[in-house]
Amino acid sequence: MTLVWTKRERQATYDRGRWSGTQSYLVTDDAGISISVYTIASGASAYEVFGGGDDGTMATYMRFVSATYSPVGDGMDKIWNVVFSFESTTGDGANATAIDVKSETEQGFTAIETNITTNIVDIWRSGSSMTIQANGNGPNDATNILGSPMDTSGEPISNIQTVINISVRNVIYGRPAYATIAGIVGKRNSAAYTFGSTGNTYACDAGSLVLTGSTTSRIGPNTYEVNYQFSHDPYTFHMRQQALRDKNGNVIHAPATSAAVSSTNISHATHVYWVQPLPLTAAFSALSIAYT
């Protein structure tokens, strides 16, 4: 049995930054016998390319997504009409790559989205000479973080802290690992973690990333979308400054010198240390986010 594929027509559409298209064939057997859908589908791989390989440049813009097999009326299953459907490999019509090639409800789909915002936090010290606790682990009140004094008489000032909020949408086969996700929420990454596996990736040092929440929803038969939310602080590892206080709760402070108080000789906190409000860590690799 040898199938004969006869091209009928093909069309391509570019709309709102995305390509789509179809390619149709008439399929028969050279011996004129009846053929089945399984037989046609088994030999279709060479034609599941836009243009059937004759439109090589255009084929790089679209990928095969579906096929329809229809017997021609009164053809006694000897003549079939086959229509292949294609869609953009990338949103902007660029050449195909290994990333961003799946539709949003397709298993294995992954979207990494970021939102860079700022938090307003109180600080007593600033500057390049300020000591940062490695990975945000084990800060203690015995270590003075040094840096340039920013407070006045022990009163802190407000400062802007950059935070990168990251959202990852992942479509998976089977129910999500709910208990695993719940066990990691509110914890920092115990080891360096990288979002993505190809193309532009985003790396986070150990201790700088927090899983702040997650939502899951069923979007198809045994198919789920998991939406993870992360907060990344690559500068202070989510730590906060605290000034040493006396037994009455007052910040211990003193002027820089014994000279008269002035704009360059005002009272500052004598000892400032880091506090880690998120001391627990976990292996984020356990989330098993699937990248394509």
Protein backbone atom coordinates (compact mmCIF):
# COMPACT_ATOMS: atom_id res chain seq x y z
CA MET A 1 0.00 0.00 0.00
CA THR A 2 1.37 3.37 -1.09
CA LEU A 3 -0.48 6.56 -0.28
CA VAL A 4 -0.68 9.38 -2.83
CA TRP A 5 -0.88 12.90 -1.36
CA THR A 6 -2.22 15.54 -3.74
CA LYS A 7 -2.00 19.15 -2.64
CA ARG A 8 -5.24 21.08 -2.80
CA GLU A 9 -4.74 24.45 -1.18
CA ARG A 10 -3.03 26.24 1.66
CA GLN A 11 -3.58 29.61 3.31
CA ALA A 12 -1.71 31.71 5.83
CA THR A 13 -3.05 34.53 8.01
CA TYR A 14 -1.11 37.12 9.98
CA ASP A 15 -3.28 38.83 12.59
CA ARG A 16 -2.34 40.80 15.70
CA GLY A 17 1.22 39.61 15.72
CA ARG A 18 0.50 35.92 15.20
CA TRP A 19 0.51 33.57 12.22
CA SER A 20 -2.04 30.85 11.52
CA GLY A 21 -2.67 28.69 8.48
CA THR A 22 -4.03 25.50 6.95
CA GLN A 23 -2.86 23.02 4.32
CA SER A 24 -5.20 20.51 2.68
CA TYR A 25 -4.57 17.30 0.66
CA LEU A 26 -6.51 14.65 -1.16
CA VAL A 27 -5.19 11.24 -0.11
CA THR A 28 -5.67 8.01 -2.08
CA ASP A 29 -3.94 4.67 -2.43
CA ASP A 30 -2.07 3.95 -5.65
CA ALA A 31 -3.90 0.63 -5.92
CA GLY A 32 -7.31 2.27 -5.53
CA ILE A 33 -8.26 0.40 -2.36
CA SER A 34 -10.05 1.74 0.70
CA ILE A 35 -7.85 3.27 3.37
CA SER A 36 -8.38 4.05 7.07
CA VAL A 37 -7.74 7.12 9.20
CA TYR A 38 -5.02 5.19 11.07
CA THR A 39 -3.20 4.41 7.81
CA ILE A 40 -3.31 8.05 6.70
CA ALA A 41 -2.27 9.42 10.08
CA SER A 42 0.62 6.94 10.29
CA GLY A 43 2.11 8.34 7.09
CA ALA A 44 1.32 12.01 7.68
CA SER A 45 4.44 13.19 9.49
CA ALA A 46 6.15 14.49 6.35
CA TYR A 47 3.12 16.66 5.59
CA GLU A 48 2.59 18.04 9.11
CA VAL A 49 4.82 20.95 8.08
CA PHE A 50 3.34 24.12 6.65
CA GLY A 51 3.64 23.93 2.87
CA GLY A 52 4.55 20.27 3.06
CA GLY A 53 8.20 21.26 2.96
CA ASP A 54 7.91 23.41 -0.18
CA ASP A 55 7.51 26.64 1.78
CA GLY A 56 10.63 26.24 3.90
CA THR A 57 10.97 29.83 5.10
CA MET A 58 7.31 30.18 6.03
CA ALA A 59 7.35 26.82 7.81
CA THR A 60 9.65 28.27 10.46
CA TYR A 61 6.93 30.70 11.52
CA MET A 62 4.23 28.11 12.17
CA ARG A 63 3.94 24.74 13.83
CA PHE A 64 1.49 21.89 13.34
CA VAL A 65 -1.34 21.83 15.91
CA SER A 66 -4.18 19.66 14.57
CA ALA A 67 -5.47 17.54 11.68
CA THR A 68 -8.92 16.69 10.30
CA TYR A 69 -9.51 13.52 8.22
CA SER A 70 -12.74 13.39 6.16
CA PRO A 71 -13.75 10.74 3.58
CA VAL A 72 -14.97 12.26 0.33
CA GLY A 73 -18.67 11.55 -0.25
CA ASP A 74 -19.36 8.48 -2.40
CA GLY A 75 -15.64 7.74 -2.37
CA MET A 76 -16.12 4.48 -0.46
CA ASP A 77 -13.21 5.43 1.86
CA LYS A 78 -10.87 5.43 -1.14
CA ILE A 79 -10.53 9.22 -1.27
CA TRP A 80 -9.91 11.33 1.83
CA ASN A 81 -9.64 15.05 2.42
CA VAL A 82 -6.98 15.90 5.01
CA VAL A 83 -6.64 19.38 6.50
CA PHE A 84 -3.65 20.30 8.71
CA SER A 85 -3.83 23.40 10.93
CA PHE A 86 -0.86 25.51 12.03
CA GLU A 87 -0.24 28.43 14.39
CA SER A 88 2.59 30.77 15.33
CA THR A 89 5.73 29.39 16.87
CA THR A 90 6.32 32.75 18.56
CA GLY A 91 4.08 35.71 19.27
CA ASP A 92 5.95 38.23 17.16
CA GLY A 93 6.43 36.11 14.07
CA ALA A 94 10.16 35.60 14.65
CA ASN A 95 11.83 32.38 13.65
CA ALA A 96 10.86 29.33 15.65
CA THR A 97 12.74 28.63 18.85
CA ALA A 98 12.52 25.98 21.54
CA ILE A 99 10.56 28.29 23.86
CA ASP A 100 7.10 29.87 23.76
CA VAL A 101 5.80 27.36 21.24
CA LYS A 102 2.80 25.97 23.14
CA SER A 103 -0.72 27.34 23.43
CA GLU A 104 -1.88 28.43 26.88
CA THR A 105 -3.98 25.32 27.54
CA GLU A 106 -1.48 22.82 26.14
CA GLN A 107 0.29 20.47 28.52
CA GLY A 108 3.84 21.69 29.11
CA PHE A 109 2.93 25.36 28.54
CA THR A 110 4.99 27.65 30.77
CA ALA A 111 4.78 31.43 31.07
CA ILE A 112 7.20 33.43 33.20
CA GLU A 113 5.95 36.94 34.00
CA THR A 114 7.57 39.59 36.18
CA ASN A 115 6.43 42.72 37.95
CA ILE A 116 9.14 44.93 39.47
CA THR A 117 7.88 47.03 42.38
CA THR A 118 9.27 48.67 45.51
CA ASN A 119 8.63 48.30 49.21
CA ILE A 120 9.04 51.09 51.71
CA VAL A 121 11.14 49.86 54.65
CA ASP A 122 12.77 51.48 57.68
CA ILE A 123 16.55 51.64 57.70
CA TRP A 124 19.22 52.86 60.11
CA ARG A 125 22.24 52.22 57.85
CA SER A 126 23.05 52.45 54.15
CA GLY A 127 26.01 52.53 51.76
CA SER A 128 28.43 50.16 50.09
CA SER A 129 30.31 49.55 53.36
CA MET A 130 27.21 48.04 54.95
CA THR A 131 27.63 44.36 55.76
CA ILE A 132 25.08 42.05 54.10
CA GLN A 133 24.52 38.65 55.70
CA ALA A 134 25.27 35.95 53.13
CA ASN A 135 22.07 34.33 51.78
CA GLY A 136 20.06 35.98 54.54
CA ASN A 137 20.78 33.08 56.89
CA GLY A 138 21.67 33.29 60.56
CA PRO A 139 21.59 37.06 61.22
CA ASN A 140 22.17 37.89 64.88
CA ASP A 141 22.30 40.94 67.12
CA ALA A 142 26.04 40.47 67.77
CA THR A 143 27.01 41.60 64.26
CA ASN A 144 26.94 45.34 63.62
CA ILE A 145 26.15 45.87 59.94
CA LEU A 146 28.20 49.09 59.79
CA GLY A 147 27.48 51.35 56.82
CA SER A 148 26.64 55.05 56.87
CA PRO A 149 24.20 56.16 59.63
CA MET A 150 20.82 57.25 58.25
CA ASP A 151 18.77 57.64 61.44
CA THR A 152 18.36 60.65 63.68
CA SER A 153 18.61 59.99 67.40
CA GLY A 154 17.74 56.36 66.79
CA GLU A 155 14.71 57.12 64.63
CA PRO A 156 14.93 55.29 61.25
CA ILE A 157 14.11 56.80 57.89
CA SER A 158 12.04 55.23 55.11
CA ASN A 159 13.88 53.76 52.16
CA ILE A 160 12.86 52.16 48.85
CA GLN A 161 13.61 48.46 48.49
CA THR A 162 13.38 46.86 45.03
CA VAL A 163 11.37 43.65 44.84
CA ILE A 164 10.84 41.51 41.72
CA ASN A 165 7.50 39.72 41.76
CA ILE A 166 7.53 36.63 39.54
CA SER A 167 4.53 34.66 38.33
CA VAL A 168 4.87 31.29 36.62
CA ARG A 169 1.93 29.66 34.88
CA ASN A 170 2.44 25.98 34.19
CA VAL A 171 0.04 23.54 32.48
CA ILE A 172 0.62 19.98 33.64
CA TYR A 173 -0.80 16.50 33.19
CA GLY A 174 -2.41 15.14 36.34
CA ARG A 175 -3.27 16.78 39.63
CA PRO A 176 -0.72 19.17 41.15
CA ALA A 177 1.33 18.20 44.21
CA TYR A 178 -0.78 20.24 46.61
CA ALA A 179 1.03 19.13 49.79
CA THR A 180 4.45 19.90 48.28
CA ILE A 181 3.39 23.41 47.28
CA ALA A 182 1.82 24.07 50.69
CA GLY A 183 5.03 22.94 52.40
CA ILE A 184 7.12 25.51 50.50
CA VAL A 185 4.86 28.60 50.67
CA GLY A 186 6.41 31.28 52.88
CA LYS A 187 9.91 29.78 52.70
CA ARG A 188 13.07 30.96 50.96
CA ASN A 189 15.04 28.88 48.46
CA SER A 190 17.70 26.78 50.15
CA ALA A 191 19.79 26.62 46.97
CA ALA A 192 20.22 28.77 43.88
CA TYR A 193 17.18 28.52 41.63
CA THR A 194 16.78 29.39 37.93
CA PHE A 195 13.54 30.09 36.09
CA GLY A 196 13.50 28.66 32.56
CA SER A 197 15.78 26.13 30.92
CA THR A 198 16.51 27.63 27.50
CA GLY A 199 16.75 31.09 26.01
CA ASN A 200 16.60 33.95 28.49
CA THR A 201 16.69 32.51 32.01
CA TYR A 202 16.36 34.23 35.37
CA ALA A 203 18.63 33.08 38.22
CA CYS A 204 18.04 33.66 41.93
CA ASP A 205 20.73 33.22 44.57
CA ALA A 206 20.06 30.98 47.55
CA GLY A 207 17.90 32.72 50.13
CA SER A 208 16.71 35.49 47.81
CA LEU A 209 13.47 33.91 46.57
CA VAL A 210 10.21 33.32 48.47
CA LEU A 211 7.19 31.36 47.27
CA THR A 212 4.38 33.71 48.31
CA GLY A 213 1.42 31.71 47.02
CA SER A 214 -0.04 29.41 44.41
CA THR A 215 -3.37 28.76 42.70
CA THR A 216 -4.43 25.66 40.79
CA SER A 217 -7.32 25.11 38.40
CA ARG A 218 -8.55 22.29 36.19
CA ILE A 219 -8.65 23.39 32.55
CA GLY A 220 -9.27 20.09 30.76
CA PRO A 221 -9.42 16.31 31.16
CA ASN A 222 -6.71 15.51 33.71
CA THR A 223 -5.06 18.82 32.78
CA TYR A 224 -4.33 21.54 35.33
CA GLU A 225 -2.86 25.01 35.35
CA VAL A 226 -0.68 25.87 38.33
CA ASN A 227 0.07 29.54 38.94
CA TYR A 228 3.02 30.18 41.25
CA GLN A 229 3.81 33.58 42.77
CA PHE A 230 7.32 34.42 43.97
CA SER A 231 9.04 37.43 45.52
CA HIS A 232 12.70 37.97 44.72
CA ASP A 233 14.95 40.24 46.79
CA PRO A 234 18.47 39.95 45.31
CA TYR A 235 19.91 42.70 47.51
CA THR A 236 19.00 42.10 51.17
CA PHE A 237 17.55 38.55 50.96
CA HIS A 238 14.27 39.72 52.58
CA MET A 239 16.07 40.80 55.76
CA ARG A 240 15.16 43.86 57.79
CA GLN A 241 17.37 46.18 59.82
CA GLN A 242 16.87 46.48 63.56
CA ALA A 243 18.62 48.77 66.05
CA LEU A 244 19.77 47.52 69.42
CA ARG A 245 17.51 48.75 72.22
CA ASP A 246 17.82 49.09 75.96
CA LYS A 247 15.67 47.29 78.52
CA ASN A 248 12.98 49.93 78.13
CA GLY A 249 12.75 49.40 74.38
CA ASN A 250 14.52 52.61 73.44
CA VAL A 251 17.10 52.60 70.64
CA ILE A 252 20.60 52.98 72.03
CA HIS A 253 22.16 55.97 70.29
CA ALA A 254 25.00 58.43 70.75
CA PRO A 255 26.54 61.40 68.88
CA ALA A 256 29.49 60.78 66.62
CA THR A 257 31.80 62.87 68.77
CA SER A 258 31.66 64.86 71.99
CA ALA A 259 31.59 68.14 70.05
CA ALA A 260 28.49 70.29 69.94
CA VAL A 261 25.50 68.83 68.12
CA SER A 262 25.35 69.91 64.47
CA SER A 263 24.24 68.60 61.09
CA THR A 264 27.43 66.54 60.96
CA ASN A 265 27.42 65.51 64.62
CA ILE A 266 23.97 64.19 65.51
CA SER A 267 23.02 61.16 67.51
CA HIS A 268 22.78 57.82 65.67
CA ALA A 269 21.99 54.26 66.66
CA THR A 270 25.20 52.72 67.98
CA HIS A 271 24.48 49.15 66.87
CA VAL A 272 22.30 47.91 63.97
CA TYR A 273 21.83 44.29 62.97
CA TRP A 274 19.88 42.22 60.46
CA VAL A 275 16.69 40.33 61.31
CA GLN A 276 15.40 37.56 59.04
CA PRO A 277 11.57 37.34 59.28
CA LEU A 278 11.60 34.30 56.95
CA PRO A 279 14.10 31.92 58.56
CA LEU A 280 12.78 28.69 56.99
CA THR A 281 14.13 27.46 53.66
CA ALA A 282 13.16 24.70 51.23
CA ALA A 283 14.33 23.12 47.99
CA PHE A 284 12.33 24.83 45.25
CA SER A 285 13.28 22.05 42.84
CA ALA A 286 10.51 20.05 44.55
CA LEU A 287 7.95 22.27 42.80
CA SER A 288 8.77 20.42 39.57
CA ILE A 289 7.90 23.30 37.26
CA ALA A 290 7.99 21.91 33.71
CA TYR A 291 9.83 24.08 31.19
CA THR A 292 9.72 23.55 27.46
